Amino acid sequence: QVQLVESGGGLVQAGGSLRLSCAASGRTFSYDAMGWFRQAPGKEREFVAAIAWSGGTFYADSVKGRFTISRDNAKNTLYLQMNSLKPEDTAVYYCAADRTVRALPSLRSLNYDYWGQGTQVTVSS
């Protein structure tokens, strides 16, 4: 059974940091592109960051320079280091895996095959 399990969310003040983790199991994700998406109340799910199997990274403009995506293929784990957090970063954060081999990681949630249950991140002002 394929599973993605996020952890590390919580409540933090503006300017603070959090590190999200996503533990994958059930298959090898080493050759999958992995991504983080988020969804705030009343809004559509949006792309945050993605990392190719080779390690290339891509970010939404809103988080560029503040968030860092990384992966440890030996541990089948994806990370998202979030610094300088803002109230507008408040959302449920989801990790996802795309098993289709692409030239570049997709920014579209529809292209991701596996999803975690999400972890809440709340940034207070």
C-alpha atoms as a PDB file:
ATOM      1  CA  GLN A   1       0.000   0.000   0.000  1.00  0.00           C
ATOM      2  CA  VAL A   2       1.457   3.325  -1.088  1.00  0.00           C
ATOM      3  CA  GLN A   3       1.452   5.972   1.618  1.00  0.00           C
ATOM      4  CA  LEU A   4       2.712   9.509   2.015  1.00  0.00           C
ATOM      5  CA  VAL A   5       2.606  10.833   5.559  1.00  0.00           C
ATOM      6  CA  GLU A   6       3.341  14.480   6.326  1.00  0.00           C
ATOM      7  CA  SER A   7       4.504  15.796   9.681  1.00  0.00           C
ATOM      8  CA  GLY A   8       6.023  18.926  11.171  1.00  0.00           C
ATOM      9  CA  GLY A   9       3.156  21.361  10.837  1.00  0.00           C
ATOM     10  CA  GLY A  10       2.039  23.605  13.658  1.00  0.00           C
ATOM     11  CA  LEU A  11       1.501  27.132  14.901  1.00  0.00           C
ATOM     12  CA  VAL A  12       4.326  29.642  14.505  1.00  0.00           C
ATOM     13  CA  GLN A  13       4.670  33.408  14.689  1.00  0.00           C
ATOM     14  CA  ALA A  14       5.367  35.465  11.608  1.00  0.00           C
ATOM     15  CA  GLY A  15       9.077  35.398  10.835  1.00  0.00           C
ATOM     16  CA  GLY A  16       9.491  31.956  12.317  1.00  0.00           C
ATOM     17  CA  SER A  17      10.439  28.645  10.741  1.00  0.00           C
ATOM     18  CA  LEU A  18       9.039  25.151  10.355  1.00  0.00           C
ATOM     19  CA  ARG A  19      10.346  22.017   8.688  1.00  0.00           C
ATOM     20  CA  LEU A  20       7.845  19.687   7.094  1.00  0.00           C
ATOM     21  CA  SER A  21       8.625  16.042   6.396  1.00  0.00           C
ATOM     22  CA  CYS A  22       6.892  13.554   4.148  1.00  0.00           C
ATOM     23  CA  ALA A  23       7.632   9.872   4.723  1.00  0.00           C
ATOM     24  CA  ALA A  24       6.871   7.689   1.720  1.00  0.00           C
ATOM     25  CA  SER A  25       6.281   3.951   1.814  1.00  0.00           C
ATOM     26  CA  GLY A  26       4.903   1.167  -0.319  1.00  0.00           C
ATOM     27  CA  ARG A  27       7.145   1.701  -3.325  1.00  0.00           C
ATOM     28  CA  THR A  28      10.409   3.363  -4.290  1.00  0.00           C
ATOM     29  CA  PHE A  29      10.022   7.066  -4.952  1.00  0.00           C
ATOM     30  CA  SER A  30      13.651   7.665  -5.912  1.00  0.00           C
ATOM     31  CA  TYR A  31      12.771   8.239  -9.575  1.00  0.00           C
ATOM     32  CA  ASP A  32       9.582  10.200  -8.949  1.00  0.00           C
ATOM     33  CA  ALA A  33       9.280  13.938  -8.969  1.00  0.00           C
ATOM     34  CA  MET A  34       8.007  15.033  -5.579  1.00  0.00           C
ATOM     35  CA  GLY A  35       6.128  18.180  -4.733  1.00  0.00           C
ATOM     36  CA  TRP A  36       4.561  20.263  -1.997  1.00  0.00           C
ATOM     37  CA  PHE A  37       1.201  21.922  -2.469  1.00  0.00           C
ATOM     38  CA  ARG A  38      -0.936  23.917  -0.082  1.00  0.00           C
ATOM     39  CA  GLN A  39      -4.567  24.844   0.296  1.00  0.00           C
ATOM     40  CA  ALA A  40      -5.895  27.706   2.358  1.00  0.00           C
ATOM     41  CA  PRO A  41      -9.560  27.906   3.432  1.00  0.00           C
ATOM     42  CA  GLY A  42     -11.763  28.955   0.553  1.00  0.00           C
ATOM     43  CA  LYS A  43      -8.925  28.761  -1.962  1.00  0.00           C
ATOM     44  CA  GLU A  44      -7.780  26.260  -4.555  1.00  0.00           C
ATOM     45  CA  ARG A  45      -4.827  23.991  -3.961  1.00  0.00           C
ATOM     46  CA  GLU A  46      -1.671  25.701  -5.183  1.00  0.00           C
ATOM     47  CA  PHE A  47       1.835  24.641  -6.092  1.00  0.00           C
ATOM     48  CA  VAL A  48       4.572  25.441  -3.573  1.00  0.00           C
ATOM     49  CA  ALA A  49       7.718  23.558  -4.614  1.00  0.00           C
ATOM     50  CA  ALA A  50       8.867  20.510  -6.523  1.00  0.00           C
ATOM     51  CA  ILE A  51      12.031  18.471  -6.790  1.00  0.00           C
ATOM     52  CA  ALA A  52      13.074  16.214  -9.626  1.00  0.00           C
ATOM     53  CA  TRP A  53      14.521  12.761  -9.075  1.00  0.00           C
ATOM     54  CA  SER A  54      17.878  14.283 -10.053  1.00  0.00           C
ATOM     55  CA  GLY A  55      17.564  16.986  -7.396  1.00  0.00           C
ATOM     56  CA  GLY A  56      16.555  19.957  -9.521  1.00  0.00           C
ATOM     57  CA  THR A  57      14.210  22.262  -7.625  1.00  0.00           C
ATOM     58  CA  PHE A  58      11.372  24.582  -8.574  1.00  0.00           C
ATOM     59  CA  TYR A  59       9.451  27.079  -6.461  1.00  0.00           C
ATOM     60  CA  ALA A  60       6.379  29.244  -6.594  1.00  0.00           C
ATOM     61  CA  ASP A  61       7.309  32.918  -6.746  1.00  0.00           C
ATOM     62  CA  SER A  62       5.554  33.499  -3.424  1.00  0.00           C
ATOM     63  CA  VAL A  63       7.966  31.232  -1.530  1.00  0.00           C
ATOM     64  CA  LYS A  64      11.159  31.613  -3.530  1.00  0.00           C
ATOM     65  CA  GLY A  65      14.075  32.551  -1.272  1.00  0.00           C
ATOM     66  CA  ARG A  66      12.182  31.523   1.884  1.00  0.00           C
ATOM     67  CA  PHE A  67      11.381  27.823   1.359  1.00  0.00           C
ATOM     68  CA  THR A  68      13.740  24.994   0.474  1.00  0.00           C
ATOM     69  CA  ILE A  69      12.633  21.602  -0.813  1.00  0.00           C
ATOM     70  CA  SER A  70      14.922  18.600  -0.464  1.00  0.00           C
ATOM     71  CA  ARG A  71      14.773  14.830  -0.504  1.00  0.00           C
ATOM     72  CA  ASP A  72      16.604  11.889   1.001  1.00  0.00           C
ATOM     73  CA  ASN A  73      16.072   8.985  -1.367  1.00  0.00           C
ATOM     74  CA  ALA A  74      17.758   6.525   0.990  1.00  0.00           C
ATOM     75  CA  LYS A  75      15.082   7.338   3.567  1.00  0.00           C
ATOM     76  CA  ASN A  76      12.272   7.787   1.030  1.00  0.00           C
ATOM     77  CA  THR A  77      11.596  11.149   2.660  1.00  0.00           C
ATOM     78  CA  LEU A  78      10.772  14.594   1.311  1.00  0.00           C
ATOM     79  CA  TYR A  79      11.333  17.828   3.236  1.00  0.00           C
ATOM     80  CA  LEU A  80      10.237  21.434   3.089  1.00  0.00           C
ATOM     81  CA  GLN A  81      12.204  23.941   5.156  1.00  0.00           C
ATOM     82  CA  MET A  82      10.101  27.067   5.599  1.00  0.00           C
ATOM     83  CA  ASN A  83      11.762  30.242   6.853  1.00  0.00           C
ATOM     84  CA  SER A  84      10.540  33.820   7.265  1.00  0.00           C
ATOM     85  CA  LEU A  85       6.981  32.572   7.449  1.00  0.00           C
ATOM     86  CA  LYS A  86       4.139  34.980   6.762  1.00  0.00           C
ATOM     87  CA  PRO A  87       0.466  34.837   7.761  1.00  0.00           C
ATOM     88  CA  GLU A  88      -0.402  34.252   4.098  1.00  0.00           C
ATOM     89  CA  ASP A  89       1.537  30.963   4.265  1.00  0.00           C
ATOM     90  CA  THR A  90      -1.210  29.587   6.517  1.00  0.00           C
ATOM     91  CA  ALA A  91      -2.675  26.511   4.828  1.00  0.00           C
ATOM     92  CA  VAL A  92      -2.824  22.748   4.848  1.00  0.00           C
ATOM     93  CA  TYR A  93       0.361  21.492   3.210  1.00  0.00           C
ATOM     94  CA  TYR A  94       0.340  18.319   1.136  1.00  0.00           C
ATOM     95  CA  CYS A  95       3.184  16.290  -0.288  1.00  0.00           C
ATOM     96  CA  ALA A  96       2.715  14.446  -3.553  1.00  0.00           C
ATOM     97  CA  ALA A  97       4.544  12.108  -5.915  1.00  0.00           C
ATOM     98  CA  ASP A  98       4.435  12.010  -9.703  1.00  0.00           C
ATOM     99  CA  ARG A  99       5.415   8.601 -11.113  1.00  0.00           C
ATOM    100  CA  THR A 100       5.467   9.817 -14.732  1.00  0.00           C
ATOM    101  CA  VAL A 101       8.931  10.527 -16.048  1.00  0.00           C
ATOM    102  CA  ARG A 102       8.987  14.135 -17.294  1.00  0.00           C
ATOM    103  CA  ALA A 103      11.678  16.476 -18.511  1.00  0.00           C
ATOM    104  CA  LEU A 104      10.816  18.808 -15.625  1.00  0.00           C
ATOM    105  CA  PRO A 105       8.673  18.335 -12.509  1.00  0.00           C
ATOM    106  CA  SER A 106       5.079  19.312 -13.068  1.00  0.00           C
ATOM    107  CA  LEU A 107       3.584  22.323 -11.295  1.00  0.00           C
ATOM    108  CA  ARG A 108       0.076  20.954 -11.809  1.00  0.00           C
ATOM    109  CA  SER A 109      -1.560  19.011  -9.009  1.00  0.00           C
ATOM    110  CA  LEU A 110      -3.484  16.918 -11.537  1.00  0.00           C
ATOM    111  CA  ASN A 111      -0.234  15.309 -12.663  1.00  0.00           C
ATOM    112  CA  TYR A 112       0.581  13.904  -9.232  1.00  0.00           C
ATOM    113  CA  ASP A 113      -0.490  10.349  -8.510  1.00  0.00           C
ATOM    114  CA  TYR A 114       0.015   9.953  -4.778  1.00  0.00           C
ATOM    115  CA  TRP A 115      -0.940  12.358  -2.001  1.00  0.00           C
ATOM    116  CA  GLY A 116      -0.511  12.620   1.723  1.00  0.00           C
ATOM    117  CA  GLN A 117      -3.279  13.558   4.125  1.00  0.00           C
ATOM    118  CA  GLY A 118      -1.897  17.025   4.758  1.00  0.00           C
ATOM    119  CA  THR A 119      -0.457  18.889   7.731  1.00  0.00           C
ATOM    120  CA  GLN A 120      -1.735  22.233   9.029  1.00  0.00           C
ATOM    121  CA  VAL A 121       0.581  25.220   9.105  1.00  0.00           C
ATOM    122  CA  THR A 122      -0.702  28.318  10.874  1.00  0.00           C
ATOM    123  CA  VAL A 123       1.306  31.537  10.960  1.00  0.00           C
ATOM    124  CA  SER A 124       0.130  34.181  13.397  1.00  0.00           C
ATOM    125  CA  SER A 125       0.787  37.869  12.887  1.00  0.00           C
END
